[in-house]
Amino acid sequence: MKAALAGLNRLGRIGLGILVLFGLMALAGPALAPYDPRATQVDAQGKMISLSPPTWRHPLGTTWQGRDVLSQVLHGARPTLVVGLSAALILAFVGVNVGLWSGYFGGWVDLVLMRAVDILYGLPFLPLMVVVMSLLAREQKYVILGIGLVAWRDVARVVRAQVLSLREEAYIKAVRSVGAGHLRVIYLHLFPNLLPLALLFLAFGLVWSILGHADLSFLGFGDPAHPTWGDMVSSAWAAGVMTEAYWWYLAPSVCIAAVSTGAFFLACALEEAVDPRLRRRGPGA
């Protein structure tokens, strides 16, 4: 893991910096917010400040309900990143373990697990998530579980392919010949070699999770108790003011794009660090 992080290129360091910046925003955002994100703002005459463009008092403007957009953006960072990172951890954990067991044991274990992956590939992600969230409560924990338990299929495929190659290595055969158990071989000898790959898919999983969560929130399947950036865009769309009140949805949209881009930059850099063949050749190579 340290080697992969130390080998990050410039884009990878930029991506990591973006994620750290938004991570700090998620931690300190509620304390930095100038107003209650659910409170209606009024002027000196007591009139609601509805759909106000950016001003000194409200740097990112207000919504049609008179709520401060900057405060909503700062409060929305935490639930957005919590869902994204938690779902990414789940999909990386499930995908890596399925790939490990499928590639190592082969036979009927591989057949059953890979058929489950094939079934998931045949189900479109967003419609499947809509069905899952319709059956479950619109709570943050179910959003996390839904995304994490649906989006692990690509991870399992790639890890399985790597394990099929690694299990034929001489050191694995030597460990098995001295009587090491299956779990010992899998988690003490195979998994450490796949740790950089798991880190790579964790970064890609953050991209998938944040974008998937934004889609669900836009469609109204987010947790109303934890409004996110996607909910802000959805509210602007539902109010029918996308053209005249650009400030309402622009800030959360930029935040979603920035975090996704940062995670993508980091994932690409990790992919290059894991597989040196992807590095650009120098002029004299």
C-alpha atoms as a PDB file:
ATOM      1  CA  MET A   1       0.000   0.000   0.000  1.00  0.00           C
ATOM      2  CA  LYS A   2       2.787   2.437   0.931  1.00  0.00           C
ATOM      3  CA  ALA A   3       4.621   1.606  -2.283  1.00  0.00           C
ATOM      4  CA  ALA A   4       1.510   2.302  -4.343  1.00  0.00           C
ATOM      5  CA  LEU A   5       0.907   5.646  -2.614  1.00  0.00           C
ATOM      6  CA  ALA A   6       4.581   6.619  -2.912  1.00  0.00           C
ATOM      7  CA  GLY A   7       4.469   5.916  -6.641  1.00  0.00           C
ATOM      8  CA  LEU A   8       1.595   8.291  -7.371  1.00  0.00           C
ATOM      9  CA  ASN A   9       2.039  10.553 -10.375  1.00  0.00           C
ATOM     10  CA  ARG A  10       1.082  14.225 -10.450  1.00  0.00           C
ATOM     11  CA  LEU A  11      -2.570  13.556 -11.258  1.00  0.00           C
ATOM     12  CA  GLY A  12      -2.744  11.041  -8.439  1.00  0.00           C
ATOM     13  CA  ARG A  13      -1.396  13.568  -5.950  1.00  0.00           C
ATOM     14  CA  ILE A  14      -3.888  16.150  -7.219  1.00  0.00           C
ATOM     15  CA  GLY A  15      -6.717  13.635  -6.819  1.00  0.00           C
ATOM     16  CA  LEU A  16      -5.570  12.743  -3.310  1.00  0.00           C
ATOM     17  CA  GLY A  17      -5.393  16.440  -2.432  1.00  0.00           C
ATOM     18  CA  ILE A  18      -8.947  16.989  -3.691  1.00  0.00           C
ATOM     19  CA  LEU A  19     -10.240  14.087  -1.609  1.00  0.00           C
ATOM     20  CA  VAL A  20      -8.403  15.303   1.500  1.00  0.00           C
ATOM     21  CA  LEU A  21      -9.848  18.801   0.976  1.00  0.00           C
ATOM     22  CA  PHE A  22     -13.407  17.494   0.721  1.00  0.00           C
ATOM     23  CA  GLY A  23     -12.766  15.151   3.636  1.00  0.00           C
ATOM     24  CA  LEU A  24     -11.878  18.152   5.785  1.00  0.00           C
ATOM     25  CA  MET A  25     -14.965  19.888   4.449  1.00  0.00           C
ATOM     26  CA  ALA A  26     -17.092  16.923   5.518  1.00  0.00           C
ATOM     27  CA  LEU A  27     -15.608  17.009   9.012  1.00  0.00           C
ATOM     28  CA  ALA A  28     -15.741  20.760   9.579  1.00  0.00           C
ATOM     29  CA  GLY A  29     -18.591  21.735   7.237  1.00  0.00           C
ATOM     30  CA  PRO A  30     -21.441  21.801   9.785  1.00  0.00           C
ATOM     31  CA  ALA A  31     -19.358  23.980  12.101  1.00  0.00           C
ATOM     32  CA  LEU A  32     -18.420  26.355   9.276  1.00  0.00           C
ATOM     33  CA  ALA A  33     -21.938  26.710   7.867  1.00  0.00           C
ATOM     34  CA  PRO A  34     -23.133  30.305   8.420  1.00  0.00           C
ATOM     35  CA  TYR A  35     -26.816  29.309   8.775  1.00  0.00           C
ATOM     36  CA  ASP A  36     -29.044  26.381   9.586  1.00  0.00           C
ATOM     37  CA  PRO A  37     -29.432  24.610   6.209  1.00  0.00           C
ATOM     38  CA  ARG A  38     -33.168  24.090   6.842  1.00  0.00           C
ATOM     39  CA  ALA A  39     -33.899  27.595   8.119  1.00  0.00           C
ATOM     40  CA  THR A  40     -35.727  30.130   5.948  1.00  0.00           C
ATOM     41  CA  GLN A  41     -33.756  33.353   5.588  1.00  0.00           C
ATOM     42  CA  VAL A  42     -35.598  36.688   5.802  1.00  0.00           C
ATOM     43  CA  ASP A  43     -34.581  40.281   5.147  1.00  0.00           C
ATOM     44  CA  ALA A  44     -34.856  43.298   7.464  1.00  0.00           C
ATOM     45  CA  GLN A  45     -38.588  43.609   6.684  1.00  0.00           C
ATOM     46  CA  GLY A  46     -39.213  39.968   7.522  1.00  0.00           C
ATOM     47  CA  LYS A  47     -39.725  38.971   3.877  1.00  0.00           C
ATOM     48  CA  MET A  48     -38.405  35.596   2.773  1.00  0.00           C
ATOM     49  CA  ILE A  49     -35.221  35.806   0.696  1.00  0.00           C
ATOM     50  CA  SER A  50     -36.359  33.402  -2.037  1.00  0.00           C
ATOM     51  CA  LEU A  51     -34.185  32.483  -5.026  1.00  0.00           C
ATOM     52  CA  SER A  52     -31.684  35.213  -4.289  1.00  0.00           C
ATOM     53  CA  PRO A  53     -28.570  35.157  -6.511  1.00  0.00           C
ATOM     54  CA  PRO A  54     -25.163  35.127  -4.779  1.00  0.00           C
ATOM     55  CA  THR A  55     -24.672  38.092  -2.451  1.00  0.00           C
ATOM     56  CA  TRP A  56     -22.269  38.994   0.360  1.00  0.00           C
ATOM     57  CA  ARG A  57     -24.794  37.684   2.876  1.00  0.00           C
ATOM     58  CA  HIS A  58     -25.451  34.479   0.904  1.00  0.00           C
ATOM     59  CA  PRO A  59     -22.322  33.790  -1.205  1.00  0.00           C
ATOM     60  CA  LEU A  60     -23.985  30.908  -3.088  1.00  0.00           C
ATOM     61  CA  GLY A  61     -27.513  32.335  -3.129  1.00  0.00           C
ATOM     62  CA  THR A  62     -30.685  30.886  -1.656  1.00  0.00           C
ATOM     63  CA  THR A  63     -33.283  28.277  -2.649  1.00  0.00           C
ATOM     64  CA  TRP A  64     -36.937  28.959  -3.432  1.00  0.00           C
ATOM     65  CA  GLN A  65     -37.658  28.249   0.248  1.00  0.00           C
ATOM     66  CA  GLY A  66     -35.150  30.908   1.269  1.00  0.00           C
ATOM     67  CA  ARG A  67     -32.531  28.435   2.510  1.00  0.00           C
ATOM     68  CA  ASP A  68     -28.841  29.269   2.277  1.00  0.00           C
ATOM     69  CA  VAL A  69     -27.158  27.208  -0.472  1.00  0.00           C
ATOM     70  CA  LEU A  70     -23.667  27.481   1.031  1.00  0.00           C
ATOM     71  CA  SER A  71     -24.884  26.032   4.332  1.00  0.00           C
ATOM     72  CA  GLN A  72     -26.610  23.186   2.484  1.00  0.00           C
ATOM     73  CA  VAL A  73     -23.455  22.431   0.502  1.00  0.00           C
ATOM     74  CA  LEU A  74     -21.309  22.349   3.659  1.00  0.00           C
ATOM     75  CA  HIS A  75     -23.800  20.120   5.492  1.00  0.00           C
ATOM     76  CA  GLY A  76     -24.262  17.865   2.442  1.00  0.00           C
ATOM     77  CA  ALA A  77     -20.562  16.987   2.188  1.00  0.00           C
ATOM     78  CA  ARG A  78     -20.566  14.606   5.152  1.00  0.00           C
ATOM     79  CA  PRO A  79     -23.486  12.309   4.172  1.00  0.00           C
ATOM     80  CA  THR A  80     -22.311  12.294   0.551  1.00  0.00           C
ATOM     81  CA  LEU A  81     -18.787  11.167   1.453  1.00  0.00           C
ATOM     82  CA  VAL A  82     -19.978   8.805   4.200  1.00  0.00           C
ATOM     83  CA  VAL A  83     -22.199   6.970   1.734  1.00  0.00           C
ATOM     84  CA  GLY A  84     -19.541   7.011  -0.990  1.00  0.00           C
ATOM     85  CA  LEU A  85     -16.684   5.740   1.166  1.00  0.00           C
ATOM     86  CA  SER A  86     -18.774   3.209   3.109  1.00  0.00           C
ATOM     87  CA  ALA A  87     -20.278   1.717  -0.056  1.00  0.00           C
ATOM     88  CA  ALA A  88     -16.811   1.641  -1.646  1.00  0.00           C
ATOM     89  CA  LEU A  89     -15.426  -0.295   1.341  1.00  0.00           C
ATOM     90  CA  ILE A  90     -18.286  -2.804   1.132  1.00  0.00           C
ATOM     91  CA  LEU A  91     -17.984  -3.390  -2.616  1.00  0.00           C
ATOM     92  CA  ALA A  92     -14.183  -3.727  -2.374  1.00  0.00           C
ATOM     93  CA  PHE A  93     -14.482  -6.149   0.561  1.00  0.00           C
ATOM     94  CA  VAL A  94     -17.149  -8.307  -1.090  1.00  0.00           C
ATOM     95  CA  GLY A  95     -15.546  -8.216  -4.545  1.00  0.00           C
ATOM     96  CA  VAL A  96     -12.053  -9.067  -3.302  1.00  0.00           C
ATOM     97  CA  ASN A  97     -13.279 -11.964  -1.162  1.00  0.00           C
ATOM     98  CA  VAL A  98     -15.496 -13.395  -3.898  1.00  0.00           C
ATOM     99  CA  GLY A  99     -12.611 -13.152  -6.352  1.00  0.00           C
ATOM    100  CA  LEU A 100     -10.195 -14.768  -3.892  1.00  0.00           C
ATOM    101  CA  TRP A 101     -12.436 -17.724  -3.117  1.00  0.00           C
ATOM    102  CA  SER A 102     -13.570 -18.196  -6.694  1.00  0.00           C
ATOM    103  CA  GLY A 103     -10.063 -18.143  -8.144  1.00  0.00           C
ATOM    104  CA  TYR A 104      -8.450 -20.208  -5.399  1.00  0.00           C
ATOM    105  CA  PHE A 105     -10.941 -23.048  -5.045  1.00  0.00           C
ATOM    106  CA  GLY A 106     -12.190 -23.245  -8.632  1.00  0.00           C
ATOM    107  CA  GLY A 107     -14.650 -26.047  -9.403  1.00  0.00           C
ATOM    108  CA  TRP A 108     -18.216 -25.678  -8.159  1.00  0.00           C
ATOM    109  CA  VAL A 109     -17.273 -22.741  -5.896  1.00  0.00           C
ATOM    110  CA  ASP A 110     -16.013 -20.817  -8.897  1.00  0.00           C
ATOM    111  CA  LEU A 111     -19.059 -21.852 -10.936  1.00  0.00           C
ATOM    112  CA  VAL A 112     -21.585 -20.663  -8.325  1.00  0.00           C
ATOM    113  CA  LEU A 113     -19.839 -17.381  -7.558  1.00  0.00           C
ATOM    114  CA  MET A 114     -19.226 -16.453 -11.190  1.00  0.00           C
ATOM    115  CA  ARG A 115     -22.822 -17.229 -12.134  1.00  0.00           C
ATOM    116  CA  ALA A 116     -23.893 -14.824  -9.389  1.00  0.00           C
ATOM    117  CA  VAL A 117     -21.618 -12.224 -10.978  1.00  0.00           C
ATOM    118  CA  ASP A 118     -23.151 -12.930 -14.394  1.00  0.00           C
ATOM    119  CA  ILE A 119     -26.646 -12.431 -12.982  1.00  0.00           C
ATOM    120  CA  LEU A 120     -25.617  -9.045 -11.544  1.00  0.00           C
ATOM    121  CA  TYR A 121     -24.133  -8.063 -14.901  1.00  0.00           C
ATOM    122  CA  GLY A 122     -27.510  -8.735 -16.486  1.00  0.00           C
ATOM    123  CA  LEU A 123     -29.276  -6.341 -14.108  1.00  0.00           C
ATOM    124  CA  PRO A 124     -28.857  -2.604 -14.838  1.00  0.00           C
ATOM    125  CA  PHE A 125     -27.444  -0.843 -11.781  1.00  0.00           C
ATOM    126  CA  LEU A 126     -29.772   2.139 -11.451  1.00  0.00           C
ATOM    127  CA  PRO A 127     -33.113   0.326 -12.069  1.00  0.00           C
ATOM    128  CA  LEU A 128     -32.002  -2.410  -9.682  1.00  0.00           C
ATOM    129  CA  MET A 129     -31.134   0.151  -7.004  1.00  0.00           C
ATOM    130  CA  VAL A 130     -34.507   1.860  -7.482  1.00  0.00           C
ATOM    131  CA  VAL A 131     -36.247  -1.490  -6.880  1.00  0.00           C
ATOM    132  CA  VAL A 132     -34.076  -2.207  -3.824  1.00  0.00           C
ATOM    133  CA  MET A 133     -34.727   1.221  -2.304  1.00  0.00           C
ATOM    134  CA  SER A 134     -38.458   0.905  -3.048  1.00  0.00           C
ATOM    135  CA  LEU A 135     -38.570  -2.320  -1.040  1.00  0.00           C
ATOM    136  CA  LEU A 136     -36.454  -0.961   1.815  1.00  0.00           C
ATOM    137  CA  ALA A 137     -36.732   2.180   3.906  1.00  0.00           C
ATOM    138  CA  ARG A 138     -35.144   5.347   2.546  1.00  0.00           C
ATOM    139  CA  GLU A 139     -32.391   5.322   5.144  1.00  0.00           C
ATOM    140  CA  GLN A 140     -28.699   5.991   4.724  1.00  0.00           C
ATOM    141  CA  LYS A 141     -27.680   2.507   5.863  1.00  0.00           C
ATOM    142  CA  TYR A 142     -29.819   0.882   3.177  1.00  0.00           C
ATOM    143  CA  VAL A 143     -28.417   3.187   0.504  1.00  0.00           C
ATOM    144  CA  ILE A 144     -24.901   2.167   1.552  1.00  0.00           C
ATOM    145  CA  LEU A 145     -25.731  -1.538   1.639  1.00  0.00           C
ATOM    146  CA  GLY A 146     -27.618  -1.376  -1.645  1.00  0.00           C
ATOM    147  CA  ILE A 147     -24.770   0.254  -3.576  1.00  0.00           C
ATOM    148  CA  GLY A 148     -22.070  -1.840  -1.898  1.00  0.00           C
ATOM    149  CA  LEU A 149     -23.804  -5.179  -2.457  1.00  0.00           C
ATOM    150  CA  VAL A 150     -24.652  -4.489  -6.099  1.00  0.00           C
ATOM    151  CA  ALA A 151     -21.489  -2.858  -7.473  1.00  0.00           C
ATOM    152  CA  TRP A 152     -18.839  -5.473  -6.537  1.00  0.00           C
ATOM    153  CA  ARG A 153     -19.081  -7.542  -9.721  1.00  0.00           C
ATOM    154  CA  ASP A 154     -16.167  -5.903 -11.602  1.00  0.00           C
ATOM    155  CA  VAL A 155     -13.893  -6.244  -8.571  1.00  0.00           C
ATOM    156  CA  ALA A 156     -14.620  -9.967  -8.291  1.00  0.00           C
ATOM    157  CA  ARG A 157     -13.869 -10.586 -11.971  1.00  0.00           C
ATOM    158  CA  VAL A 158     -10.469  -8.863 -11.923  1.00  0.00           C
ATOM    159  CA  VAL A 159      -9.370 -10.340  -8.586  1.00  0.00           C
ATOM    160  CA  ARG A 160     -10.355 -13.834  -9.706  1.00  0.00           C
ATOM    161  CA  ALA A 161      -8.203 -13.490 -12.830  1.00  0.00           C
ATOM    162  CA  GLN A 162      -5.226 -12.433 -10.704  1.00  0.00           C
ATOM    163  CA  VAL A 163      -5.720 -15.297  -8.257  1.00  0.00           C
ATOM    164  CA  LEU A 164      -5.877 -17.856 -11.077  1.00  0.00           C
ATOM    165  CA  SER A 165      -2.386 -16.723 -12.035  1.00  0.00           C
ATOM    166  CA  LEU A 166      -0.970 -16.376  -8.519  1.00  0.00           C
ATOM    167  CA  ARG A 167      -2.105 -19.781  -7.281  1.00  0.00           C
ATOM    168  CA  GLU A 168       0.210 -21.434  -9.813  1.00  0.00           C
ATOM    169  CA  GLU A 169       3.258 -19.599  -8.470  1.00  0.00           C
ATOM    170  CA  ALA A 170       5.974 -21.757  -6.892  1.00  0.00           C
ATOM    171  CA  TYR A 171       5.767 -20.145  -3.456  1.00  0.00           C
ATOM    172  CA  ILE A 172       2.013 -20.864  -3.229  1.00  0.00           C
ATOM    173  CA  LYS A 173       2.582 -24.512  -4.157  1.00  0.00           C
ATOM    174  CA  ALA A 174       5.379 -24.695  -1.577  1.00  0.00           C
ATOM    175  CA  VAL A 175       3.159 -23.289   1.164  1.00  0.00           C
ATOM    176  CA  ARG A 176       0.393 -25.745   0.319  1.00  0.00           C
ATOM    177  CA  SER A 177       2.846 -28.663   0.202  1.00  0.00           C
ATOM    178  CA  VAL A 178       3.871 -28.101   3.843  1.00  0.00           C
ATOM    179  CA  GLY A 179       0.251 -28.396   4.961  1.00  0.00           C
ATOM    180  CA  ALA A 180      -0.909 -24.773   5.229  1.00  0.00           C
ATOM    181  CA  GLY A 181      -4.692 -24.471   5.449  1.00  0.00           C
ATOM    182  CA  HIS A 182      -6.830 -22.813   2.815  1.00  0.00           C
ATOM    183  CA  LEU A 183      -7.555 -19.715   4.868  1.00  0.00           C
ATOM    184  CA  ARG A 184      -3.870 -19.250   5.633  1.00  0.00           C
ATOM    185  CA  VAL A 185      -2.951 -19.492   1.966  1.00  0.00           C
ATOM    186  CA  ILE A 186      -5.740 -17.163   0.888  1.00  0.00           C
ATOM    187  CA  TYR A 187      -5.326 -14.383   3.447  1.00  0.00           C
ATOM    188  CA  LEU A 188      -1.657 -14.587   4.422  1.00  0.00           C
ATOM    189  CA  HIS A 189      -0.078 -15.370   1.053  1.00  0.00           C
ATOM    190  CA  LEU A 190      -2.476 -14.454  -1.760  1.00  0.00           C
ATOM    191  CA  PHE A 191      -4.218 -11.399  -0.323  1.00  0.00           C
ATOM    192  CA  PRO A 192      -1.058  -9.331   0.437  1.00  0.00           C
ATOM    193  CA  ASN A 193      -0.169  -9.551  -3.250  1.00  0.00           C
ATOM    194  CA  LEU A 194      -3.624  -8.218  -4.126  1.00  0.00           C
ATOM    195  CA  LEU A 195      -3.628  -5.347  -1.625  1.00  0.00           C
ATOM    196  CA  PRO A 196      -2.576  -2.695  -4.191  1.00  0.00           C
ATOM    197  CA  LEU A 197      -5.344  -3.967  -6.477  1.00  0.00           C
ATOM    198  CA  ALA A 198      -7.863  -3.760  -3.615  1.00  0.00           C
ATOM    199  CA  LEU A 199      -6.747  -0.173  -2.966  1.00  0.00           C
ATOM    200  CA  LEU A 200      -7.229   0.591  -6.646  1.00  0.00           C
ATOM    201  CA  PHE A 201     -10.792  -0.722  -6.634  1.00  0.00           C
ATOM    202  CA  LEU A 202     -11.498   1.139  -3.417  1.00  0.00           C
ATOM    203  CA  ALA A 203     -10.700   4.373  -5.269  1.00  0.00           C
ATOM    204  CA  PHE A 204     -12.781   3.383  -8.293  1.00  0.00           C
ATOM    205  CA  GLY A 205     -15.540   2.239  -5.927  1.00  0.00           C
ATOM    206  CA  LEU A 206     -15.628   5.720  -4.412  1.00  0.00           C
ATOM    207  CA  VAL A 207     -16.334   7.132  -7.893  1.00  0.00           C
ATOM    208  CA  TRP A 208     -19.074   4.586  -8.595  1.00  0.00           C
ATOM    209  CA  SER A 209     -20.647   5.032  -5.165  1.00  0.00           C
ATOM    210  CA  ILE A 210     -20.735   8.831  -5.225  1.00  0.00           C
ATOM    211  CA  LEU A 211     -22.190   8.960  -8.729  1.00  0.00           C
ATOM    212  CA  GLY A 212     -24.662   6.162  -7.972  1.00  0.00           C
ATOM    213  CA  HIS A 213     -25.732   7.887  -4.777  1.00  0.00           C
ATOM    214  CA  ALA A 214     -26.152  11.182  -6.630  1.00  0.00           C
ATOM    215  CA  ASP A 215     -28.383   9.433  -9.174  1.00  0.00           C
ATOM    216  CA  LEU A 216     -30.517   7.881  -6.445  1.00  0.00           C
ATOM    217  CA  SER A 217     -30.808  11.186  -4.583  1.00  0.00           C
ATOM    218  CA  PHE A 218     -31.789  12.975  -7.775  1.00  0.00           C
ATOM    219  CA  LEU A 219     -34.564  10.425  -8.314  1.00  0.00           C
ATOM    220  CA  GLY A 220     -35.797  10.957  -4.752  1.00  0.00           C
ATOM    221  CA  PHE A 221     -34.490   7.748  -3.171  1.00  0.00           C
ATOM    222  CA  GLY A 222     -32.016   9.368  -0.793  1.00  0.00           C
ATOM    223  CA  ASP A 223     -32.346   9.604   2.982  1.00  0.00           C
ATOM    224  CA  PRO A 224     -34.425  12.716   3.818  1.00  0.00           C
ATOM    225  CA  ALA A 225     -32.798  12.842   7.255  1.00  0.00           C
ATOM    226  CA  HIS A 226     -29.349  13.264   5.664  1.00  0.00           C
ATOM    227  CA  PRO A 227     -29.725  15.580   2.626  1.00  0.00           C
ATOM    228  CA  THR A 228     -26.857  15.354   0.167  1.00  0.00           C
ATOM    229  CA  TRP A 229     -25.587  17.238  -2.867  1.00  0.00           C
ATOM    230  CA  GLY A 230     -27.729  15.011  -5.083  1.00  0.00           C
ATOM    231  CA  ASP A 231     -30.804  15.996  -3.085  1.00  0.00           C
ATOM    232  CA  MET A 232     -30.013  19.666  -3.726  1.00  0.00           C
ATOM    233  CA  VAL A 233     -29.902  19.105  -7.483  1.00  0.00           C
ATOM    234  CA  SER A 234     -33.122  17.084  -7.273  1.00  0.00           C
ATOM    235  CA  SER A 235     -34.863  19.871  -5.334  1.00  0.00           C
ATOM    236  CA  ALA A 236     -33.824  22.476  -7.911  1.00  0.00           C
ATOM    237  CA  TRP A 237     -35.126  20.260 -10.701  1.00  0.00           C
ATOM    238  CA  ALA A 238     -38.421  19.597  -8.902  1.00  0.00           C
ATOM    239  CA  ALA A 239     -38.920  23.326  -8.341  1.00  0.00           C
ATOM    240  CA  GLY A 240     -38.602  23.942 -12.080  1.00  0.00           C
ATOM    241  CA  VAL A 241     -36.025  26.724 -11.707  1.00  0.00           C
ATOM    242  CA  MET A 242     -33.020  25.103 -13.376  1.00  0.00           C
ATOM    243  CA  THR A 243     -32.660  27.914 -15.906  1.00  0.00           C
ATOM    244  CA  GLU A 244     -33.159  30.997 -13.749  1.00  0.00           C
ATOM    245  CA  ALA A 245     -31.678  29.782 -10.433  1.00  0.00           C
ATOM    246  CA  TYR A 246     -28.450  28.215 -11.673  1.00  0.00           C
ATOM    247  CA  TRP A 247     -26.692  28.890  -8.341  1.00  0.00           C
ATOM    248  CA  TRP A 248     -28.990  26.445  -6.545  1.00  0.00           C
ATOM    249  CA  TYR A 249     -27.723  23.354  -8.379  1.00  0.00           C
ATOM    250  CA  LEU A 250     -24.362  24.582  -9.713  1.00  0.00           C
ATOM    251  CA  ALA A 251     -22.444  24.372  -6.411  1.00  0.00           C
ATOM    252  CA  PRO A 252     -23.526  20.818  -5.465  1.00  0.00           C
ATOM    253  CA  SER A 253     -23.004  19.669  -9.062  1.00  0.00           C
ATOM    254  CA  VAL A 254     -19.455  21.064  -9.029  1.00  0.00           C
ATOM    255  CA  CYS A 255     -18.790  19.332  -5.706  1.00  0.00           C
ATOM    256  CA  ILE A 256     -20.012  15.964  -7.037  1.00  0.00           C
ATOM    257  CA  ALA A 257     -17.904  16.378 -10.172  1.00  0.00           C
ATOM    258  CA  ALA A 258     -14.834  17.479  -8.178  1.00  0.00           C
ATOM    259  CA  VAL A 259     -14.939  14.563  -5.719  1.00  0.00           C
ATOM    260  CA  SER A 260     -15.582  12.048  -8.519  1.00  0.00           C
ATOM    261  CA  THR A 261     -12.747  13.523 -10.586  1.00  0.00           C
ATOM    262  CA  GLY A 262     -10.379  13.464  -7.613  1.00  0.00           C
ATOM    263  CA  ALA A 263     -11.200   9.818  -6.903  1.00  0.00           C
ATOM    264  CA  PHE A 264     -10.804   8.984 -10.605  1.00  0.00           C
ATOM    265  CA  PHE A 265      -7.402  10.701 -10.764  1.00  0.00           C
ATOM    266  CA  LEU A 266      -6.282   8.773  -7.693  1.00  0.00           C
ATOM    267  CA  ALA A 267      -7.607   5.484  -9.093  1.00  0.00           C
ATOM    268  CA  CYS A 268      -5.832   5.982 -12.418  1.00  0.00           C
ATOM    269  CA  ALA A 269      -2.577   6.811 -10.626  1.00  0.00           C
ATOM    270  CA  LEU A 270      -2.915   3.723  -8.427  1.00  0.00           C
ATOM    271  CA  GLU A 271      -3.615   1.611 -11.494  1.00  0.00           C
ATOM    272  CA  GLU A 272      -0.407   2.891 -13.058  1.00  0.00           C
ATOM    273  CA  ALA A 273       1.536   2.245  -9.849  1.00  0.00           C
ATOM    274  CA  VAL A 274       0.139  -1.293  -9.601  1.00  0.00           C
ATOM    275  CA  ASP A 275       0.818  -2.080 -13.278  1.00  0.00           C
ATOM    276  CA  PRO A 276       4.071  -0.417 -14.440  1.00  0.00           C
ATOM    277  CA  ARG A 277       3.268  -1.389 -18.038  1.00  0.00           C
ATOM    278  CA  LEU A 278       0.731   1.459 -18.092  1.00  0.00           C
ATOM    279  CA  ARG A 279       3.427   4.079 -17.511  1.00  0.00           C
ATOM    280  CA  ARG A 280       4.346   6.198 -20.461  1.00  0.00           C
ATOM    281  CA  ARG A 281       7.643   5.313 -21.999  1.00  0.00           C
ATOM    282  CA  GLY A 282      10.308   7.974 -21.998  1.00  0.00           C
ATOM    283  CA  PRO A 283      11.841   9.312 -25.233  1.00  0.00           C
ATOM    284  CA  GLY A 284      14.716   6.891 -25.084  1.00  0.00           C
ATOM    285  CA  ALA A 285      12.759   3.812 -24.027  1.00  0.00           C
END
